[in-house]
Amino acid sequence: MDMSDRDGIFQRAVEVGRLISQTPEYAYLRSAIREIDGDEEAKARLDGIRALQEKLIGFLEREEEPPEDLRAELGSLSEEMQTTTRYQALISAQANFDKLMEKVNQSIGEGVKAGEQSRIILPS
């Protein structure tokens, strides 16, 4: 495979990315992200969740037991966040986009498998 073949792969990958950006799954995900980003209360909750997660990770990295109040606060903030409509929309949009990307990866895998089984020998 020479450089022009590799360039062709990358050009096709860019085209696949462009096509993905035009799917409803991507549009819904971008919209859900914009909705969360525009909601100051939701952003504050997410920032709080991230900060608490970092603290918990610090305890775990030091092989220490995180304090119960820290875990309880994280649980409470997470529950509050999960009950919001915008967050539920984001989770749903992310799941649908992930399914699309899984199908894309499966299709690439099928192409690789078909290429392996091809009787045509390509020069190296």
C-alpha atoms as a PDB file:
ATOM      1  CA  MET A   1       0.000   0.000   0.000  1.00  0.00           C
ATOM      2  CA  ASP A   2       1.511   3.314  -1.017  1.00  0.00           C
ATOM      3  CA  MET A   3       0.921   6.798   0.362  1.00  0.00           C
ATOM      4  CA  SER A   4      -1.790   7.635  -2.158  1.00  0.00           C
ATOM      5  CA  ASP A   5      -3.798   4.601  -0.945  1.00  0.00           C
ATOM      6  CA  ARG A   6      -3.406   5.752   2.639  1.00  0.00           C
ATOM      7  CA  ASP A   7      -4.403   9.272   1.674  1.00  0.00           C
ATOM      8  CA  GLY A   8      -7.519   7.802   0.060  1.00  0.00           C
ATOM      9  CA  ILE A   9      -8.401   6.051   3.326  1.00  0.00           C
ATOM     10  CA  PHE A  10      -8.097   9.305   5.238  1.00  0.00           C
ATOM     11  CA  GLN A  11     -10.101  11.207   2.639  1.00  0.00           C
ATOM     12  CA  ARG A  12     -12.878   8.641   2.893  1.00  0.00           C
ATOM     13  CA  ALA A  13     -12.747   8.833   6.682  1.00  0.00           C
ATOM     14  CA  VAL A  14     -13.236  12.605   6.461  1.00  0.00           C
ATOM     15  CA  GLU A  15     -16.199  12.016   4.157  1.00  0.00           C
ATOM     16  CA  VAL A  16     -17.695   9.511   6.622  1.00  0.00           C
ATOM     17  CA  GLY A  17     -17.271  12.095   9.372  1.00  0.00           C
ATOM     18  CA  ARG A  18     -19.018  14.709   7.243  1.00  0.00           C
ATOM     19  CA  LEU A  19     -21.893  12.326   6.578  1.00  0.00           C
ATOM     20  CA  ILE A  20     -22.168  11.465  10.278  1.00  0.00           C
ATOM     21  CA  SER A  21     -22.423  15.175  11.079  1.00  0.00           C
ATOM     22  CA  GLN A  22     -25.545  15.302   8.896  1.00  0.00           C
ATOM     23  CA  THR A  23     -27.418  12.499  10.689  1.00  0.00           C
ATOM     24  CA  PRO A  24     -30.382  13.117  12.989  1.00  0.00           C
ATOM     25  CA  GLU A  25     -28.499  11.360  15.794  1.00  0.00           C
ATOM     26  CA  TYR A  26     -25.684  13.900  15.600  1.00  0.00           C
ATOM     27  CA  ALA A  27     -28.100  16.830  15.319  1.00  0.00           C
ATOM     28  CA  TYR A  28     -30.016  15.675  18.404  1.00  0.00           C
ATOM     29  CA  LEU A  29     -26.795  15.228  20.362  1.00  0.00           C
ATOM     30  CA  ARG A  30     -25.522  18.709  19.432  1.00  0.00           C
ATOM     31  CA  SER A  31     -28.899  20.185  20.354  1.00  0.00           C
ATOM     32  CA  ALA A  32     -28.955  18.400  23.722  1.00  0.00           C
ATOM     33  CA  ILE A  33     -25.427  19.617  24.474  1.00  0.00           C
ATOM     34  CA  ARG A  34     -26.413  23.197  23.604  1.00  0.00           C
ATOM     35  CA  GLU A  35     -29.448  22.902  25.890  1.00  0.00           C
ATOM     36  CA  ILE A  36     -27.304  21.753  28.811  1.00  0.00           C
ATOM     37  CA  ASP A  37     -24.670  24.407  28.071  1.00  0.00           C
ATOM     38  CA  GLY A  38     -27.366  27.094  28.102  1.00  0.00           C
ATOM     39  CA  ASP A  39     -28.745  25.967  31.472  1.00  0.00           C
ATOM     40  CA  GLU A  40     -26.630  27.608  34.174  1.00  0.00           C
ATOM     41  CA  GLU A  41     -28.145  25.444  36.920  1.00  0.00           C
ATOM     42  CA  ALA A  42     -27.407  22.243  35.015  1.00  0.00           C
ATOM     43  CA  LYS A  43     -23.868  23.413  34.251  1.00  0.00           C
ATOM     44  CA  ALA A  44     -23.308  24.180  37.933  1.00  0.00           C
ATOM     45  CA  ARG A  45     -24.558  20.706  38.904  1.00  0.00           C
ATOM     46  CA  LEU A  46     -22.343  19.036  36.314  1.00  0.00           C
ATOM     47  CA  ASP A  47     -19.346  21.060  37.475  1.00  0.00           C
ATOM     48  CA  GLY A  48     -20.125  20.028  41.056  1.00  0.00           C
ATOM     49  CA  ILE A  49     -20.392  16.386  40.041  1.00  0.00           C
ATOM     50  CA  ARG A  50     -17.065  16.555  38.181  1.00  0.00           C
ATOM     51  CA  ALA A  51     -15.344  18.198  41.157  1.00  0.00           C
ATOM     52  CA  LEU A  52     -16.677  15.560  43.550  1.00  0.00           C
ATOM     53  CA  GLN A  53     -15.650  12.772  41.162  1.00  0.00           C
ATOM     54  CA  GLU A  54     -12.116  14.178  41.045  1.00  0.00           C
ATOM     55  CA  LYS A  55     -11.999  14.242  44.852  1.00  0.00           C
ATOM     56  CA  LEU A  56     -13.215  10.644  44.996  1.00  0.00           C
ATOM     57  CA  ILE A  57     -10.626   9.573  42.441  1.00  0.00           C
ATOM     58  CA  GLY A  58      -7.951  11.241  44.585  1.00  0.00           C
ATOM     59  CA  PHE A  59      -9.001   9.143  47.572  1.00  0.00           C
ATOM     60  CA  LEU A  60      -9.037   5.973  45.483  1.00  0.00           C
ATOM     61  CA  GLU A  61      -5.623   6.711  43.971  1.00  0.00           C
ATOM     62  CA  ARG A  62      -4.230   7.068  47.486  1.00  0.00           C
ATOM     63  CA  GLU A  63      -6.007   3.807  48.324  1.00  0.00           C
ATOM     64  CA  GLU A  64      -8.061   5.600  50.974  1.00  0.00           C
ATOM     65  CA  GLU A  65     -11.744   5.163  51.692  1.00  0.00           C
ATOM     66  CA  PRO A  66     -13.662   8.253  50.516  1.00  0.00           C
ATOM     67  CA  PRO A  67     -15.693   9.942  53.262  1.00  0.00           C
ATOM     68  CA  GLU A  68     -19.359   8.955  53.362  1.00  0.00           C
ATOM     69  CA  ASP A  69     -20.508  12.586  53.163  1.00  0.00           C
ATOM     70  CA  LEU A  70     -18.567  13.038  49.912  1.00  0.00           C
ATOM     71  CA  ARG A  71     -20.156   9.929  48.398  1.00  0.00           C
ATOM     72  CA  ALA A  72     -23.596  10.998  49.634  1.00  0.00           C
ATOM     73  CA  GLU A  73     -23.189  14.478  48.149  1.00  0.00           C
ATOM     74  CA  LEU A  74     -22.168  13.001  44.798  1.00  0.00           C
ATOM     75  CA  GLY A  75     -25.134  10.637  44.883  1.00  0.00           C
ATOM     76  CA  SER A  76     -27.523  13.464  45.720  1.00  0.00           C
ATOM     77  CA  LEU A  77     -26.211  15.751  42.965  1.00  0.00           C
ATOM     78  CA  SER A  78     -26.294  12.891  40.460  1.00  0.00           C
ATOM     79  CA  GLU A  79     -29.898  12.056  41.346  1.00  0.00           C
ATOM     80  CA  GLU A  80     -30.918  15.703  41.006  1.00  0.00           C
ATOM     81  CA  MET A  81     -29.237  15.924  37.627  1.00  0.00           C
ATOM     82  CA  GLN A  82     -30.787  12.691  36.370  1.00  0.00           C
ATOM     83  CA  THR A  83     -34.299  13.952  37.072  1.00  0.00           C
ATOM     84  CA  THR A  84     -33.957  16.970  34.783  1.00  0.00           C
ATOM     85  CA  THR A  85     -35.513  16.774  31.352  1.00  0.00           C
ATOM     86  CA  ARG A  86     -32.470  18.303  29.664  1.00  0.00           C
ATOM     87  CA  TYR A  87     -30.122  15.766  31.183  1.00  0.00           C
ATOM     88  CA  GLN A  88     -32.412  12.895  30.197  1.00  0.00           C
ATOM     89  CA  ALA A  89     -32.500  14.272  26.651  1.00  0.00           C
ATOM     90  CA  LEU A  90     -28.699  14.432  26.616  1.00  0.00           C
ATOM     91  CA  ILE A  91     -28.339  10.850  27.838  1.00  0.00           C
ATOM     92  CA  SER A  92     -30.850   9.633  25.258  1.00  0.00           C
ATOM     93  CA  ALA A  93     -29.179  11.568  22.429  1.00  0.00           C
ATOM     94  CA  GLN A  94     -25.748  10.276  23.474  1.00  0.00           C
ATOM     95  CA  ALA A  95     -27.020   6.681  23.554  1.00  0.00           C
ATOM     96  CA  ASN A  96     -28.526   7.011  20.074  1.00  0.00           C
ATOM     97  CA  PHE A  97     -25.336   8.563  18.698  1.00  0.00           C
ATOM     98  CA  ASP A  98     -23.277   5.806  20.318  1.00  0.00           C
ATOM     99  CA  LYS A  99     -25.476   3.202  18.590  1.00  0.00           C
ATOM    100  CA  LEU A 100     -24.888   4.923  15.244  1.00  0.00           C
ATOM    101  CA  MET A 101     -21.132   4.953  15.815  1.00  0.00           C
ATOM    102  CA  GLU A 102     -21.219   1.289  16.827  1.00  0.00           C
ATOM    103  CA  LYS A 103     -22.920   0.465  13.524  1.00  0.00           C
ATOM    104  CA  VAL A 104     -20.317   2.514  11.647  1.00  0.00           C
ATOM    105  CA  ASN A 105     -17.525   0.607  13.400  1.00  0.00           C
ATOM    106  CA  GLN A 106     -19.233  -2.711  12.651  1.00  0.00           C
ATOM    107  CA  SER A 107     -19.461  -1.746   8.982  1.00  0.00           C
ATOM    108  CA  ILE A 108     -15.765  -0.871   8.922  1.00  0.00           C
ATOM    109  CA  GLY A 109     -15.039  -4.226  10.561  1.00  0.00           C
ATOM    110  CA  GLU A 110     -17.086  -5.987   7.878  1.00  0.00           C
ATOM    111  CA  GLY A 111     -15.073  -4.169   5.209  1.00  0.00           C
ATOM    112  CA  VAL A 112     -11.808  -5.236   6.829  1.00  0.00           C
ATOM    113  CA  LYS A 113     -13.025  -8.824   7.037  1.00  0.00           C
ATOM    114  CA  ALA A 114     -14.084  -8.773   3.393  1.00  0.00           C
ATOM    115  CA  GLY A 115     -10.682  -7.351   2.469  1.00  0.00           C
ATOM    116  CA  GLU A 116      -8.919 -10.131   4.356  1.00  0.00           C
ATOM    117  CA  GLN A 117     -10.903 -12.743   2.463  1.00  0.00           C
ATOM    118  CA  SER A 118     -10.284 -11.156  -0.918  1.00  0.00           C
ATOM    119  CA  ARG A 119      -8.207 -13.251  -3.305  1.00  0.00           C
ATOM    120  CA  ILE A 120      -6.604 -10.117  -4.731  1.00  0.00           C
ATOM    121  CA  ILE A 121      -3.077  -9.686  -3.449  1.00  0.00           C
ATOM    122  CA  LEU A 122      -2.115  -6.072  -3.006  1.00  0.00           C
ATOM    123  CA  PRO A 123       1.511  -5.006  -3.261  1.00  0.00           C
ATOM    124  CA  SER A 124       3.067  -4.041   0.053  1.00  0.00           C
END
